[in-house]
Every structure is written in C-alpha cells, then in structure tokens.
Protein backbone atom coordinates (compact mmCIF):
# COMPACT_ATOMS: atom_id res chain seq x y z
CA MET A 1 78.02 82.13 4.33
CA ASN A 2 77.77 80.90 7.61
CA ILE A 3 74.98 83.03 8.66
CA HIS A 4 73.22 81.73 5.03
CA THR A 5 73.85 78.13 6.02
CA ASN A 6 72.95 78.35 9.74
CA GLN A 7 69.17 79.85 8.72
CA VAL A 8 69.02 76.89 6.01
CA ARG A 9 69.71 74.27 8.59
CA ALA A 10 67.31 75.66 10.92
CA LEU A 11 64.72 75.89 8.54
CA PHE A 12 65.26 71.89 7.76
CA LEU A 13 65.52 71.30 11.15
CA SER A 14 61.81 73.18 11.04
CA LEU A 15 60.34 71.24 8.03
CA LEU A 16 61.58 68.11 9.83
CA SER A 17 59.72 68.53 12.95
CA ILE A 18 56.51 69.86 11.28
CA LEU A 19 56.20 67.10 8.74
CA PRO A 20 55.76 64.17 11.41
CA ALA A 21 52.86 66.02 12.91
CA THR A 22 51.41 66.51 9.56
CA PHE A 23 51.92 62.85 8.28
CA ILE A 24 50.90 60.68 11.13
CA HIS A 25 51.45 57.31 11.23
CA ALA A 26 51.90 56.66 7.31
CA ASN A 27 53.02 53.10 7.01
CA GLN A 28 50.12 52.12 9.51
CA LEU A 29 47.52 53.35 7.68
CA GLN A 30 45.66 51.62 4.36
CA ASN A 31 44.12 52.89 1.49
CA PHE A 32 40.41 52.11 0.78
CA LEU A 33 38.02 52.75 -2.26
CA GLU A 34 35.14 54.64 -0.47
CA PHE A 35 31.44 54.30 -1.28
CA SER A 36 28.45 56.15 0.11
CA LEU A 37 24.84 56.66 -0.11
CA ALA A 38 23.25 60.18 1.11
CA ALA A 39 19.88 61.31 2.10
CA GLN A 40 19.99 65.39 2.51
CA ASN A 41 17.53 68.51 2.69
CA GLN A 42 18.14 71.87 3.13
CA THR A 43 17.10 75.29 2.58
CA SER A 44 18.85 78.01 1.78
CA THR A 45 18.26 81.36 -0.26
CA LEU A 46 19.00 82.14 -3.86
CA ALA A 47 19.20 85.36 -4.84
CA PHE A 48 17.90 86.18 -8.62
CA THR A 49 17.83 89.49 -10.54
CA THR A 50 14.86 91.02 -9.00
CA ASN A 51 13.90 88.73 -6.46
CA THR A 52 15.35 86.56 -3.28
CA TYR A 53 13.13 83.33 -2.84
CA LYS A 54 13.60 80.95 0.05
CA THR A 55 14.51 77.65 -1.60
CA LYS A 56 14.01 73.69 0.00
CA ILE A 57 16.37 70.99 -1.72
CA ASN A 58 15.38 67.22 -1.36
CA GLN A 59 18.56 65.20 -2.59
CA LEU A 60 19.59 61.34 -2.62
CA GLY A 61 22.87 60.56 -4.23
CA ILE A 62 25.78 58.55 -3.94
CA ASN A 63 29.20 59.49 -3.85
CA TRP A 64 32.76 57.08 -4.86
CA TYR A 65 36.15 58.03 -3.64
CA GLU A 66 39.71 56.17 -5.51
CA PRO A 67 42.96 56.72 -3.08
CA PHE A 68 45.49 58.04 -5.71
CA THR A 69 48.14 58.10 -2.56
CA GLN A 70 47.85 58.23 1.06
CA TYR A 71 47.09 61.68 1.09
CA PHE A 72 44.72 62.76 -2.04
CA HIS A 73 41.66 61.40 -3.02
CA GLY A 74 39.32 61.82 -6.03
CA GLY A 75 35.88 60.34 -6.94
CA LEU A 76 32.82 61.26 -8.41
CA GLU A 77 28.78 61.92 -7.40
CA LEU A 78 25.87 61.67 -8.37
CA GLY A 79 22.01 62.06 -7.85
CA TYR A 80 18.35 62.61 -8.13
CA ILE A 81 17.48 66.25 -6.74
CA GLU A 82 14.21 68.12 -5.54
CA MET A 83 13.90 71.88 -5.59
CA SER A 84 10.84 74.03 -4.45
CA GLN A 85 10.16 77.73 -4.34
CA ALA A 86 6.86 78.68 -3.02
CA ASP A 87 7.08 82.12 -3.60
CA ASN A 88 8.31 82.18 -7.01
CA THR A 89 6.23 84.02 -9.12
CA LEU A 90 5.89 81.39 -11.99
CA SER A 91 3.93 78.00 -11.06
CA SER A 92 6.11 75.94 -13.03
CA ALA A 93 9.27 77.25 -11.22
CA ARG A 94 7.88 75.94 -7.78
CA PHE A 95 8.56 72.55 -7.80
CA THR A 96 10.91 71.19 -10.38
CA SER A 97 13.10 68.07 -10.15
CA GLY A 98 16.25 66.58 -12.13
CA GLU A 99 19.74 65.58 -11.63
CA TYR A 100 23.11 66.29 -10.20
CA ALA A 101 26.62 65.09 -10.91
CA GLY A 102 29.78 66.47 -9.84
CA LEU A 103 33.84 66.12 -9.11
CA LEU A 104 35.68 65.63 -5.65
CA LEU A 105 38.87 66.09 -4.94
CA ARG A 106 40.49 65.41 -1.26
CA PHE A 107 44.11 65.99 0.35
CA ILE A 108 44.53 64.92 4.19
CA PRO A 109 47.66 66.52 5.27
CA LEU A 110 46.74 65.01 8.84
CA GLU A 111 45.60 61.50 9.79
CA SER A 112 46.27 59.48 12.84
CA GLU A 113 44.04 57.24 15.10
CA ALA A 114 42.37 59.87 17.01
CA LEU A 115 42.24 63.24 14.25
CA SER A 116 41.98 63.93 10.78
CA LEU A 117 42.03 67.24 8.60
CA ARG A 118 40.33 67.06 5.18
CA LEU A 119 40.45 69.85 2.82
CA ASN A 120 38.13 69.38 -0.04
CA LEU A 121 37.33 71.05 -3.10
CA ASN A 122 34.13 70.04 -5.38
CA TYR A 123 32.24 70.84 -8.32
CA ARG A 124 28.80 70.11 -9.12
CA HIS A 125 26.47 70.56 -12.04
CA SER A 126 23.15 70.32 -11.20
CA ARG A 127 19.62 70.85 -13.51
CA THR A 128 15.91 70.75 -12.86
CA ILE A 129 12.92 70.74 -14.76
CA GLY A 130 8.97 71.54 -13.81
CA LYS A 131 5.95 72.15 -15.85
CA ASN A 132 2.40 72.97 -16.69
CA THR A 133 0.05 73.33 -19.18
CA ASP A 134 1.68 76.15 -21.14
CA GLN A 135 5.00 77.06 -19.41
CA ASP A 136 8.16 75.10 -19.07
CA THR A 137 10.95 76.22 -16.35
CA GLN A 138 14.71 74.54 -16.05
CA PHE A 139 16.84 75.93 -13.41
CA ALA A 140 20.60 74.76 -14.20
CA TRP A 141 23.38 76.31 -12.43
CA ASN A 142 26.85 75.26 -11.35
CA GLU A 143 28.37 75.01 -7.75
CA ALA A 144 32.07 75.17 -6.29
CA LEU A 145 32.51 73.87 -2.59
CA PHE A 146 35.75 74.07 -0.67
CA ILE A 147 35.39 72.54 2.85
CA SER A 148 38.07 72.36 5.31
CA GLU A 149 36.86 69.53 7.74
CA LEU A 150 37.96 67.99 10.94
CA GLU A 151 37.44 64.81 12.57
CA TYR A 152 37.79 63.79 15.90
CA ARG A 153 37.59 59.86 17.25
CA PRO A 154 37.14 59.84 20.96
CA VAL A 155 37.04 55.74 20.79
CA HIS A 156 37.88 53.85 17.92
CA ASN A 157 34.12 53.54 16.73
CA ILE A 158 32.97 57.04 16.85
CA GLY A 159 33.78 60.43 15.06
CA LEU A 160 33.19 63.55 15.87
CA ILE A 161 33.15 66.41 12.26
CA LEU A 162 32.92 69.77 12.33
CA ALA A 163 33.55 71.60 9.00
CA VAL A 164 33.46 75.41 7.39
CA GLU A 165 32.26 75.54 4.00
CA TYR A 166 32.62 78.05 1.39
CA GLN A 167 30.40 78.19 -1.72
CA ALA A 168 30.36 79.82 -4.91
CA LEU A 169 27.15 79.11 -6.99
CA ASN A 170 25.73 80.70 -10.25
CA GLY A 171 23.38 79.78 -12.30
CA GLU A 172 19.84 80.46 -14.89
CA GLN A 173 16.41 79.91 -14.94
CA ARG A 174 15.45 79.70 -18.17
CA ASP A 175 11.62 79.98 -18.33
CA SER A 176 9.46 79.06 -21.93
CA GLY A 177 5.99 79.35 -23.14
CA THR A 178 3.73 81.87 -22.41
CA ILE A 179 6.94 83.90 -20.76
CA SER A 180 9.99 83.28 -22.08
CA LYS A 181 13.05 84.47 -20.18
CA ILE A 182 16.30 83.50 -18.79
CA THR A 183 17.10 85.08 -15.36
CA GLU A 184 20.79 84.59 -13.76
CA PHE A 185 20.50 83.80 -9.49
CA THR A 186 23.76 82.97 -7.26
CA GLU A 187 23.72 82.36 -3.40
CA SER A 188 22.68 84.98 -1.01
CA GLU A 189 25.63 83.75 1.67
CA GLN A 190 29.00 81.96 0.79
CA GLN A 191 29.59 80.62 4.20
CA SER A 192 28.62 77.66 6.11
CA TYR A 193 29.14 75.61 9.25
CA ARG A 194 28.38 71.61 9.40
CA PHE A 195 28.53 69.48 12.42
CA GLY A 196 27.77 65.82 13.01
CA VAL A 197 28.76 62.31 14.60
CA HIS A 198 29.07 59.03 12.93
CA PHE A 199 29.35 55.25 13.80
CA THR A 200 31.67 52.48 12.55
CA SER A 201 28.92 49.60 12.42
CA ASN A 202 31.90 47.23 11.74
CA ARG A 203 36.04 47.77 10.10
CA THR A 204 34.75 49.34 6.96
CA GLY A 205 30.71 50.24 7.29
CA VAL A 206 29.92 54.13 8.57
CA ILE A 207 26.48 55.27 9.37
CA GLY A 208 26.04 59.42 10.34
CA ILE A 209 24.15 62.06 10.43
CA GLU A 210 24.99 66.07 9.98
CA GLY A 211 23.51 69.28 10.50
CA PHE A 212 23.98 72.49 8.91
CA THR A 213 24.06 76.05 9.07
CA GLY A 214 24.76 79.13 7.44
CA PHE A 215 24.04 79.53 3.34
CA LYS A 216 22.46 76.27 3.61
CA THR A 217 20.33 74.53 7.08
CA GLY A 218 19.06 71.18 7.11
CA THR A 219 20.64 67.32 7.64
CA ARG A 220 22.19 65.20 6.22
CA LEU A 221 22.17 61.16 6.25
CA TYR A 222 24.65 58.62 5.58
CA PHE A 223 25.59 55.51 5.16
CA LEU A 224 29.77 54.90 3.89
CA ARG A 225 31.67 51.62 3.12
CA LYS A 226 35.25 50.99 2.67
CA PHE A 227 36.36 48.38 0.30
C-alpha cells in the first residue's frame, strides 16, 4: 500500500512539473479572433487509376479562427482555386477553376513569448470545373491535414516557423460529353515540410511568407490580423 501511494505521489509530482512547461503564462496571454488572407501556389503529383499527373494549384482564400479556450481554437476557410494538369489527356481537364471550403481545428499545448507549439487538424473540400466545346470535366476531392507547427520568436516582432504536415487526400475526376467516366485519384506522397518567417507590423497585424517541400512544393504569402 505504501509503495502504491508513493508511486501515485511521484506521478502527481511529475505531472505538476510538466504542466508549467506545457501551459506557460496562461494568465498573461489573451484570446483573439483571428482573420487572415492568403495567396498560395503549389505543385504536387496526383496518382490516378492509370496515370500520375503533375498538378499545379493557385489559390486565394480567407480563414477565420475563434478561440474557444486559451488553448483550443476552431475556424473556417473558403477561397478560390485554379488547377492545371498540362499532361492530362483530356483538354477540358488541363485547366479548371472553382472553390474550396474547410473546417479548422487548432490545439496549442505550448505558448510563451518566445515559443509556441500548435497542433492543427484541418478538413477541406475542393471542387473545380473545366469545359471545352464537347467535353466537361469536374474535379472534386477531400483533404484531411494534420500539422505540427513550431514557432520561435527571437525578438517580439519576428517569428520563425517550422512545421511537419501529413495529408490524406481522395477525389474523383468526373468527365461528361464525348468521353463519360469517373476516375479516382489520391496523393502520391503524404508528408511535407513547411518553413517561413513573419513580421508583426503592429500589436495585432502580421505579414508572413512560407515555403513548402514534400508532397507539395511552393510558397504562401499571408496577411493576418487579430481582433
């Protein structure tokens, strides 16, 4: 019994020692409504039933986060998207455009003036359409994205970002017209890395740029404001 009690006490003391390192300055930090505008270009490889296509995507969108608690935020995203596949055998599929919308969840287990750790789980649905004289093509796909993101702030107005992303994607190419068929596709890789830097222009305004490598390569420029 004494051995069991000592183990419980040791576990309790260990948890007490971990919690301050996990939830730093909770009473000093504030919750903000967060709104951002981002432009992104990326290149990835999508695997279809019989072919793989190099796919270029340009997107312009907004996202919004609402703080439910100090360490858990939820939000939405929506935007315009253009997709091109120069090697696709159908001309109607070589350039398509449309929209996307998604759900954003963010957990912040570590937050201090110099260091932040954010864990993100995002879901997005995208749809693009292309047409020519006698052929229509629609791409529709779902993405689930898990992101582990570390931010280091060497000074108060500069932040350095390093993130690891895991993606699960599945979709369909739906052709109608002279050729009518449905072809499934997915991503050829699942892991990528993201790195970037952002500058705080004032107390709540941020301008940042990021680069991607892995299942997608490209850049992202964003403007963020907290209210």
